[in-house]
Amino acid sequence: MSLTFPNRSRSYDAAGRRIRFVGHDGMFQISFSVAADAMSKMRPETAADEAGYLTAFDMASSAIYDVARTAYDRTRKSMYVLTAADFR
């Protein structure tokens, strides 16, 4: 199976300064989070608050899902933290 993102929900974790989302590989749920600094790198105009990060995530979701798929294809873990270094 391949990684899909049928549930487009995401949430902001203020303590960890990251946006959390999930993907699915068949019946397995894979947890992802993308660091706020990665959102700022991808979209420099991002407001440094929850609404800004979630809006930036929504606008860049295709690229984020592509990076998540690449990370998952390499190691097949159940949890990933994507950082600015993952977005080149």
PDB file of N, CA and C in Angstrom:
ATOM      1  N   MET A   1       0.842  -1.187   0.000  1.00  0.00           N
ATOM      2  CA  MET A   1       0.000   0.000   0.000  1.00  0.00           C
ATOM      3  C   MET A   1       0.879   1.239   0.000  1.00  0.00           C
ATOM      4  N   SER A   2       0.285   2.325  -0.364  1.00  0.00           N
ATOM      5  CA  SER A   2       1.022   3.582  -0.321  1.00  0.00           C
ATOM      6  C   SER A   2       0.361   4.523   0.685  1.00  0.00           C
ATOM      7  N   LEU A   3       1.102   5.502   1.081  1.00  0.00           N
ATOM      8  CA  LEU A   3       0.642   6.459   2.071  1.00  0.00           C
ATOM      9  C   LEU A   3      -0.369   7.416   1.445  1.00  0.00           C
ATOM     10  N   THR A   4      -1.509   7.573   2.107  1.00  0.00           N
ATOM     11  CA  THR A   4      -2.543   8.503   1.655  1.00  0.00           C
ATOM     12  C   THR A   4      -2.919   9.434   2.803  1.00  0.00           C
ATOM     13  N   PHE A   5      -3.600  10.507   2.452  1.00  0.00           N
ATOM     14  CA  PHE A   5      -4.035  11.501   3.433  1.00  0.00           C
ATOM     15  C   PHE A   5      -5.528  11.778   3.244  1.00  0.00           C
ATOM     16  N   PRO A   6      -6.373  10.778   3.560  1.00  0.00           N
ATOM     17  CA  PRO A   6      -7.812  10.939   3.327  1.00  0.00           C
ATOM     18  C   PRO A   6      -8.467  11.925   4.304  1.00  0.00           C
ATOM     19  N   ASN A   7      -7.877  12.104   5.467  1.00  0.00           N
ATOM     20  CA  ASN A   7      -8.420  13.018   6.466  1.00  0.00           C
ATOM     21  C   ASN A   7      -7.573  14.284   6.455  1.00  0.00           C
ATOM     22  N   ARG A   8      -8.109  15.367   5.984  1.00  0.00           N
ATOM     23  CA  ARG A   8      -7.348  16.610   5.819  1.00  0.00           C
ATOM     24  C   ARG A   8      -7.272  17.448   7.100  1.00  0.00           C
ATOM     25  N   SER A   9      -7.681  16.874   8.233  1.00  0.00           N
ATOM     26  CA  SER A   9      -7.606  17.648   9.477  1.00  0.00           C
ATOM     27  C   SER A   9      -6.159  17.808   9.915  1.00  0.00           C
ATOM     28  N   ARG A  10      -5.901  18.895  10.604  1.00  0.00           N
ATOM     29  CA  ARG A  10      -4.582  19.187  11.150  1.00  0.00           C
ATOM     30  C   ARG A  10      -4.794  20.055  12.375  1.00  0.00           C
ATOM     31  N   SER A  11      -3.826  20.087  13.251  1.00  0.00           N
ATOM     32  CA  SER A  11      -3.942  20.890  14.467  1.00  0.00           C
ATOM     33  C   SER A  11      -2.590  21.479  14.814  1.00  0.00           C
ATOM     34  N   TYR A  12      -2.631  22.579  15.542  1.00  0.00           N
ATOM     35  CA  TYR A  12      -1.403  23.252  15.933  1.00  0.00           C
ATOM     36  C   TYR A  12      -1.068  22.887  17.367  1.00  0.00           C
ATOM     37  N   ASP A  13       0.152  22.459  17.599  1.00  0.00           N
ATOM     38  CA  ASP A  13       0.672  22.139  18.928  1.00  0.00           C
ATOM     39  C   ASP A  13       1.553  23.313  19.356  1.00  0.00           C
ATOM     40  N   ALA A  14       0.994  24.176  20.197  1.00  0.00           N
ATOM     41  CA  ALA A  14       1.721  25.387  20.604  1.00  0.00           C
ATOM     42  C   ALA A  14       2.972  25.051  21.405  1.00  0.00           C
ATOM     43  N   ALA A  15       2.897  24.051  22.266  1.00  0.00           N
ATOM     44  CA  ALA A  15       4.055  23.684  23.098  1.00  0.00           C
ATOM     45  C   ALA A  15       5.214  23.189  22.237  1.00  0.00           C
ATOM     46  N   GLY A  16       4.910  22.407  21.220  1.00  0.00           N
ATOM     47  CA  GLY A  16       5.947  21.862  20.351  1.00  0.00           C
ATOM     48  C   GLY A  16       6.236  22.734  19.142  1.00  0.00           C
ATOM     49  N   ARG A  17       5.443  23.785  18.958  1.00  0.00           N
ATOM     50  CA  ARG A  17       5.557  24.684  17.803  1.00  0.00           C
ATOM     51  C   ARG A  17       5.572  23.898  16.496  1.00  0.00           C
ATOM     52  N   ARG A  18       4.502  23.092  16.319  1.00  0.00           N
ATOM     53  CA  ARG A  18       4.391  22.277  15.109  1.00  0.00           C
ATOM     54  C   ARG A  18       2.933  22.014  14.764  1.00  0.00           C
ATOM     55  N   ILE A  19       2.704  21.658  13.526  1.00  0.00           N
ATOM     56  CA  ILE A  19       1.381  21.293  13.056  1.00  0.00           C
ATOM     57  C   ILE A  19       1.345  19.778  12.942  1.00  0.00           C
ATOM     58  N   ARG A  20       0.322  19.199  13.532  1.00  0.00           N
ATOM     59  CA  ARG A  20       0.177  17.736  13.522  1.00  0.00           C
ATOM     60  C   ARG A  20      -0.860  17.320  12.481  1.00  0.00           C
ATOM     61  N   PHE A  21      -0.582  16.198  11.807  1.00  0.00           N
ATOM     62  CA  PHE A  21      -1.517  15.624  10.846  1.00  0.00           C
ATOM     63  C   PHE A  21      -1.228  14.134  10.730  1.00  0.00           C
ATOM     64  N   VAL A  22      -2.133  13.394  10.110  1.00  0.00           N
ATOM     65  CA  VAL A  22      -1.949  11.947   9.994  1.00  0.00           C
ATOM     66  C   VAL A  22      -2.092  11.492   8.547  1.00  0.00           C
ATOM     67  N   GLY A  23      -1.420  10.397   8.260  1.00  0.00           N
ATOM     68  CA  GLY A  23      -1.545   9.715   6.987  1.00  0.00           C
ATOM     69  C   GLY A  23      -1.941   8.275   7.265  1.00  0.00           C
ATOM     70  N   HIS A  24      -2.311   7.563   6.222  1.00  0.00           N
ATOM     71  CA  HIS A  24      -2.719   6.166   6.377  1.00  0.00           C
ATOM     72  C   HIS A  24      -2.041   5.305   5.325  1.00  0.00           C
ATOM     73  N   ASP A  25      -1.531   4.172   5.777  1.00  0.00           N
ATOM     74  CA  ASP A  25      -0.990   3.149   4.897  1.00  0.00           C
ATOM     75  C   ASP A  25      -1.842   1.917   5.157  1.00  0.00           C
ATOM     76  N   GLY A  26      -2.866   1.752   4.325  1.00  0.00           N
ATOM     77  CA  GLY A  26      -3.826   0.690   4.586  1.00  0.00           C
ATOM     78  C   GLY A  26      -4.540   0.978   5.895  1.00  0.00           C
ATOM     79  N   MET A  27      -4.489   0.031   6.811  1.00  0.00           N
ATOM     80  CA  MET A  27      -5.157   0.223   8.104  1.00  0.00           C
ATOM     81  C   MET A  27      -4.257   0.880   9.150  1.00  0.00           C
ATOM     82  N   PHE A  28      -3.017   1.174   8.803  1.00  0.00           N
ATOM     83  CA  PHE A  28      -2.087   1.775   9.752  1.00  0.00           C
ATOM     84  C   PHE A  28      -2.128   3.299   9.673  1.00  0.00           C
ATOM     85  N   GLN A  29      -2.220   3.919  10.838  1.00  0.00           N
ATOM     86  CA  GLN A  29      -2.201   5.377  10.921  1.00  0.00           C
ATOM     87  C   GLN A  29      -0.776   5.831  11.227  1.00  0.00           C
ATOM     88  N   ILE A  30      -0.283   6.778  10.460  1.00  0.00           N
ATOM     89  CA  ILE A  30       1.076   7.296  10.612  1.00  0.00           C
ATOM     90  C   ILE A  30       0.961   8.753  11.061  1.00  0.00           C
ATOM     91  N   SER A  31       1.613   9.092  12.174  1.00  0.00           N
ATOM     92  CA  SER A  31       1.563  10.448  12.726  1.00  0.00           C
ATOM     93  C   SER A  31       2.691  11.297  12.171  1.00  0.00           C
ATOM     94  N   PHE A  32       2.344  12.509  11.790  1.00  0.00           N
ATOM     95  CA  PHE A  32       3.316  13.468  11.278  1.00  0.00           C
ATOM     96  C   PHE A  32       3.155  14.784  12.009  1.00  0.00           C
ATOM     97  N   SER A  33       4.235  15.503  12.104  1.00  0.00           N
ATOM     98  CA  SER A  33       4.167  16.907  12.499  1.00  0.00           C
ATOM     99  C   SER A  33       5.216  17.646  11.700  1.00  0.00           C
ATOM    100  N   VAL A  34       4.875  18.878  11.389  1.00  0.00           N
ATOM    101  CA  VAL A  34       5.799  19.723  10.635  1.00  0.00           C
ATOM    102  C   VAL A  34       6.109  20.941  11.509  1.00  0.00           C
ATOM    103  N   ALA A  35       7.382  21.190  11.695  1.00  0.00           N
ATOM    104  CA  ALA A  35       7.831  22.275  12.570  1.00  0.00           C
ATOM    105  C   ALA A  35       7.407  23.634  12.019  1.00  0.00           C
ATOM    106  N   ALA A  36       7.083  24.538  12.924  1.00  0.00           N
ATOM    107  CA  ALA A  36       6.659  25.879  12.528  1.00  0.00           C
ATOM    108  C   ALA A  36       7.733  26.581  11.706  1.00  0.00           C
ATOM    109  N   ASP A  37       8.996  26.341  12.015  1.00  0.00           N
ATOM    110  CA  ASP A  37      10.057  27.001  11.240  1.00  0.00           C
ATOM    111  C   ASP A  37      10.062  26.520   9.785  1.00  0.00           C
ATOM    112  N   ALA A  38       9.633  25.299   9.546  1.00  0.00           N
ATOM    113  CA  ALA A  38       9.527  24.806   8.171  1.00  0.00           C
ATOM    114  C   ALA A  38       8.419  25.552   7.435  1.00  0.00           C
ATOM    115  N   MET A  39       7.328  25.852   8.134  1.00  0.00           N
ATOM    116  CA  MET A  39       6.240  26.596   7.511  1.00  0.00           C
ATOM    117  C   MET A  39       6.722  27.998   7.137  1.00  0.00           C
ATOM    118  N   SER A  40       7.494  28.604   8.020  1.00  0.00           N
ATOM    119  CA  SER A  40       8.027  29.946   7.754  1.00  0.00           C
ATOM    120  C   SER A  40       9.020  29.930   6.595  1.00  0.00           C
ATOM    121  N   LYS A  41       9.759  28.831   6.459  1.00  0.00           N
ATOM    122  CA  LYS A  41      10.711  28.710   5.346  1.00  0.00           C
ATOM    123  C   LYS A  41       9.965  28.572   4.020  1.00  0.00           C
ATOM    124  N   MET A  42       8.915  27.758   4.023  1.00  0.00           N
ATOM    125  CA  MET A  42       8.155  27.514   2.801  1.00  0.00           C
ATOM    126  C   MET A  42       7.334  28.734   2.389  1.00  0.00           C
ATOM    127  N   ARG A  43       6.795  29.430   3.374  1.00  0.00           N
ATOM    128  CA  ARG A  43       5.941  30.596   3.125  1.00  0.00           C
ATOM    129  C   ARG A  43       6.398  31.716   4.046  1.00  0.00           C
ATOM    130  N   PRO A  44       7.378  32.495   3.624  1.00  0.00           N
ATOM    131  CA  PRO A  44       7.967  33.533   4.482  1.00  0.00           C
ATOM    132  C   PRO A  44       6.970  34.543   5.040  1.00  0.00           C
ATOM    133  N   GLU A  45       5.839  34.719   4.369  1.00  0.00           N
ATOM    134  CA  GLU A  45       4.840  35.678   4.850  1.00  0.00           C
ATOM    135  C   GLU A  45       3.970  35.126   5.983  1.00  0.00           C
ATOM    136  N   THR A  46       4.250  33.913   6.431  1.00  0.00           N
ATOM    137  CA  THR A  46       3.455  33.259   7.460  1.00  0.00           C
ATOM    138  C   THR A  46       3.458  34.049   8.768  1.00  0.00           C
ATOM    139  N   ALA A  47       2.269  34.306   9.279  1.00  0.00           N
ATOM    140  CA  ALA A  47       2.145  34.936  10.602  1.00  0.00           C
ATOM    141  C   ALA A  47       2.566  33.916  11.650  1.00  0.00           C
ATOM    142  N   ALA A  48       3.328  34.348  12.639  1.00  0.00           N
ATOM    143  CA  ALA A  48       3.873  33.434  13.655  1.00  0.00           C
ATOM    144  C   ALA A  48       2.860  33.191  14.771  1.00  0.00           C
ATOM    145  N   ASP A  49       1.704  32.649  14.376  1.00  0.00           N
ATOM    146  CA  ASP A  49       0.687  32.284  15.347  1.00  0.00           C
ATOM    147  C   ASP A  49      -0.097  31.080  14.802  1.00  0.00           C
ATOM    148  N   GLU A  50      -0.991  30.543  15.605  1.00  0.00           N
ATOM    149  CA  GLU A  50      -1.722  29.343  15.210  1.00  0.00           C
ATOM    150  C   GLU A  50      -2.438  29.517  13.869  1.00  0.00           C
ATOM    151  N   ALA A  51      -3.175  30.586  13.723  1.00  0.00           N
ATOM    152  CA  ALA A  51      -3.925  30.801  12.485  1.00  0.00           C
ATOM    153  C   ALA A  51      -2.983  30.913  11.287  1.00  0.00           C
ATOM    154  N   GLY A  52      -1.877  31.611  11.460  1.00  0.00           N
ATOM    155  CA  GLY A  52      -0.918  31.762  10.370  1.00  0.00           C
ATOM    156  C   GLY A  52      -0.304  30.442   9.959  1.00  0.00           C
ATOM    157  N   TYR A  53       0.095  29.639  10.938  1.00  0.00           N
ATOM    158  CA  TYR A  53       0.710  28.349  10.622  1.00  0.00           C
ATOM    159  C   TYR A  53      -0.290  27.400   9.959  1.00  0.00           C
ATOM    160  N   LEU A  54      -1.531  27.382  10.438  1.00  0.00           N
ATOM    161  CA  LEU A  54      -2.532  26.495   9.840  1.00  0.00           C
ATOM    162  C   LEU A  54      -2.878  26.938   8.418  1.00  0.00           C
ATOM    163  N   THR A  55      -2.951  28.236   8.188  1.00  0.00           N
ATOM    164  CA  THR A  55      -3.208  28.740   6.841  1.00  0.00           C
ATOM    165  C   THR A  55      -2.050  28.379   5.913  1.00  0.00           C
ATOM    166  N   ALA A  56      -0.835  28.560   6.387  1.00  0.00           N
ATOM    167  CA  ALA A  56       0.339  28.205   5.580  1.00  0.00           C
ATOM    168  C   ALA A  56       0.338  26.713   5.272  1.00  0.00           C
ATOM    169  N   PHE A  57      -0.020  25.885   6.250  1.00  0.00           N
ATOM    170  CA  PHE A  57      -0.094  24.439   6.030  1.00  0.00           C
ATOM    171  C   PHE A  57      -1.101  24.140   4.922  1.00  0.00           C
ATOM    172  N   ASP A  58      -2.276  24.737   5.017  1.00  0.00           N
ATOM    173  CA  ASP A  58      -3.310  24.487   4.011  1.00  0.00           C
ATOM    174  C   ASP A  58      -2.838  24.893   2.617  1.00  0.00           C
ATOM    175  N   MET A  59      -2.139  25.994   2.517  1.00  0.00           N
ATOM    176  CA  MET A  59      -1.681  26.487   1.215  1.00  0.00           C
ATOM    177  C   MET A  59      -0.551  25.632   0.639  1.00  0.00           C
ATOM    178  N   ALA A  60       0.202  24.985   1.506  1.00  0.00           N
ATOM    179  CA  ALA A  60       1.345  24.178   1.055  1.00  0.00           C
ATOM    180  C   ALA A  60       1.121  22.681   1.273  1.00  0.00           C
ATOM    181  N   SER A  61      -0.115  22.277   1.495  1.00  0.00           N
ATOM    182  CA  SER A  61      -0.377  20.882   1.871  1.00  0.00           C
ATOM    183  C   SER A  61       0.127  19.873   0.837  1.00  0.00           C
ATOM    184  N   SER A  62       0.016  20.159  -0.440  1.00  0.00           N
ATOM    185  CA  SER A  62       0.491  19.203  -1.451  1.00  0.00           C
ATOM    186  C   SER A  62       1.983  18.944  -1.297  1.00  0.00           C
ATOM    187  N   ALA A  63       2.763  20.004  -1.135  1.00  0.00           N
ATOM    188  CA  ALA A  63       4.211  19.852  -0.953  1.00  0.00           C
ATOM    189  C   ALA A  63       4.518  19.138   0.361  1.00  0.00           C
ATOM    190  N   ILE A  64       3.779  19.453   1.406  1.00  0.00           N
ATOM    191  CA  ILE A  64       3.995  18.811   2.708  1.00  0.00           C
ATOM    192  C   ILE A  64       3.700  17.316   2.607  1.00  0.00           C
ATOM    193  N   TYR A  65       2.595  16.954   1.956  1.00  0.00           N
ATOM    194  CA  TYR A  65       2.266  15.537   1.804  1.00  0.00           C
ATOM    195  C   TYR A  65       3.317  14.819   0.962  1.00  0.00           C
ATOM    196  N   ASP A  66       3.866  15.472  -0.043  1.00  0.00           N
ATOM    197  CA  ASP A  66       4.928  14.859  -0.850  1.00  0.00           C
ATOM    198  C   ASP A  66       6.168  14.576   0.001  1.00  0.00           C
ATOM    199  N   VAL A  67       6.556  15.537   0.838  1.00  0.00           N
ATOM    200  CA  VAL A  67       7.713  15.340   1.729  1.00  0.00           C
ATOM    201  C   VAL A  67       7.415  14.231   2.739  1.00  0.00           C
ATOM    202  N   ALA A  68       6.201  14.197   3.245  1.00  0.00           N
ATOM    203  CA  ALA A  68       5.818  13.147   4.197  1.00  0.00           C
ATOM    204  C   ALA A  68       5.893  11.765   3.536  1.00  0.00           C
ATOM    205  N   ARG A  69       5.406  11.664   2.305  1.00  0.00           N
ATOM    206  CA  ARG A  69       5.478  10.380   1.586  1.00  0.00           C
ATOM    207  C   ARG A  69       6.929   9.944   1.381  1.00  0.00           C
ATOM    208  N   THR A  70       7.783  10.879   1.009  1.00  0.00           N
ATOM    209  CA  THR A  70       9.202  10.565   0.798  1.00  0.00           C
ATOM    210  C   THR A  70       9.836  10.068   2.089  1.00  0.00           C
ATOM    211  N   ALA A  71       9.565  10.746   3.197  1.00  0.00           N
ATOM    212  CA  ALA A  71      10.117  10.331   4.493  1.00  0.00           C
ATOM    213  C   ALA A  71       9.603   8.937   4.862  1.00  0.00           C
ATOM    214  N   TYR A  72       8.329   8.718   4.659  1.00  0.00           N
ATOM    215  CA  TYR A  72       7.739   7.420   4.999  1.00  0.00           C
ATOM    216  C   TYR A  72       8.296   6.306   4.109  1.00  0.00           C
ATOM    217  N   ASP A  73       8.451   6.567   2.834  1.00  0.00           N
ATOM    218  CA  ASP A  73       8.983   5.558   1.911  1.00  0.00           C
ATOM    219  C   ASP A  73      10.399   5.130   2.288  1.00  0.00           C
ATOM    220  N   ARG A  74      11.176   6.047   2.878  1.00  0.00           N
ATOM    221  CA  ARG A  74      12.557   5.727   3.272  1.00  0.00           C
ATOM    222  C   ARG A  74      12.617   4.793   4.477  1.00  0.00           C
ATOM    223  N   THR A  75      11.764   5.026   5.488  1.00  0.00           N
ATOM    224  CA  THR A  75      11.959   4.298   6.749  1.00  0.00           C
ATOM    225  C   THR A  75      10.739   3.576   7.303  1.00  0.00           C
ATOM    226  N   ARG A  76       9.549   3.891   6.835  1.00  0.00           N
ATOM    227  CA  ARG A  76       8.321   3.211   7.287  1.00  0.00           C
ATOM    228  C   ARG A  76       8.171   3.174   8.809  1.00  0.00           C
ATOM    229  N   LYS A  77       8.330   4.319   9.449  1.00  0.00           N
ATOM    230  CA  LYS A  77       8.091   4.422  10.896  1.00  0.00           C
ATOM    231  C   LYS A  77       6.635   4.820  11.125  1.00  0.00           C
ATOM    232  N   SER A  78       6.232   4.885  12.381  1.00  0.00           N
ATOM    233  CA  SER A  78       4.851   5.258  12.695  1.00  0.00           C
ATOM    234  C   SER A  78       4.711   6.722  13.089  1.00  0.00           C
ATOM    235  N   MET A  79       5.845   7.435  13.228  1.00  0.00           N
ATOM    236  CA  MET A  79       5.789   8.839  13.614  1.00  0.00           C
ATOM    237  C   MET A  79       6.967   9.596  13.006  1.00  0.00           C
ATOM    238  N   TYR A  80       6.688  10.806  12.510  1.00  0.00           N
ATOM    239  CA  TYR A  80       7.705  11.640  11.874  1.00  0.00           C
ATOM    240  C   TYR A  80       7.549  13.087  12.317  1.00  0.00           C
ATOM    241  N   VAL A  81       8.681  13.759  12.469  1.00  0.00           N
ATOM    242  CA  VAL A  81       8.709  15.205  12.656  1.00  0.00           C
ATOM    243  C   VAL A  81       9.470  15.778  11.468  1.00  0.00           C
ATOM    244  N   LEU A  82       8.773  16.522  10.642  1.00  0.00           N
ATOM    245  CA  LEU A  82       9.380  17.133   9.468  1.00  0.00           C
ATOM    246  C   LEU A  82       9.899  18.515   9.859  1.00  0.00           C
ATOM    247  N   THR A  83      11.129  18.789   9.490  1.00  0.00           N
ATOM    248  CA  THR A  83      11.755  20.073   9.842  1.00  0.00           C
ATOM    249  C   THR A  83      12.052  20.861   8.562  1.00  0.00           C
ATOM    250  N   ALA A  84      12.550  22.064   8.747  1.00  0.00           N
ATOM    251  CA  ALA A  84      12.897  22.905   7.597  1.00  0.00           C
ATOM    252  C   ALA A  84      13.878  22.209   6.665  1.00  0.00           C
ATOM    253  N   ALA A  85      14.772  21.393   7.217  1.00  0.00           N
ATOM    254  CA  ALA A  85      15.771  20.682   6.407  1.00  0.00           C
ATOM    255  C   ALA A  85      15.123  19.689   5.435  1.00  0.00           C
ATOM    256  N   ASP A  86      13.915  19.223   5.739  1.00  0.00           N
ATOM    257  CA  ASP A  86      13.236  18.268   4.866  1.00  0.00           C
ATOM    258  C   ASP A  86      12.645  18.942   3.625  1.00  0.00           C
ATOM    259  N   PHE A  87      12.503  20.258   3.673  1.00  0.00           N
ATOM    260  CA  PHE A  87      11.898  21.019   2.580  1.00  0.00           C
ATOM    261  C   PHE A  87      12.998  21.776   1.850  1.00  0.00           C
ATOM    262  N   ARG A  88      13.430  21.252   0.719  1.00  0.00           N
ATOM    263  CA  ARG A  88      14.522  21.870  -0.032  1.00  0.00           C
ATOM    264  C   ARG A  88      14.035  22.540  -1.264  1.00  0.00           C
TER     265      ARG A  88
END
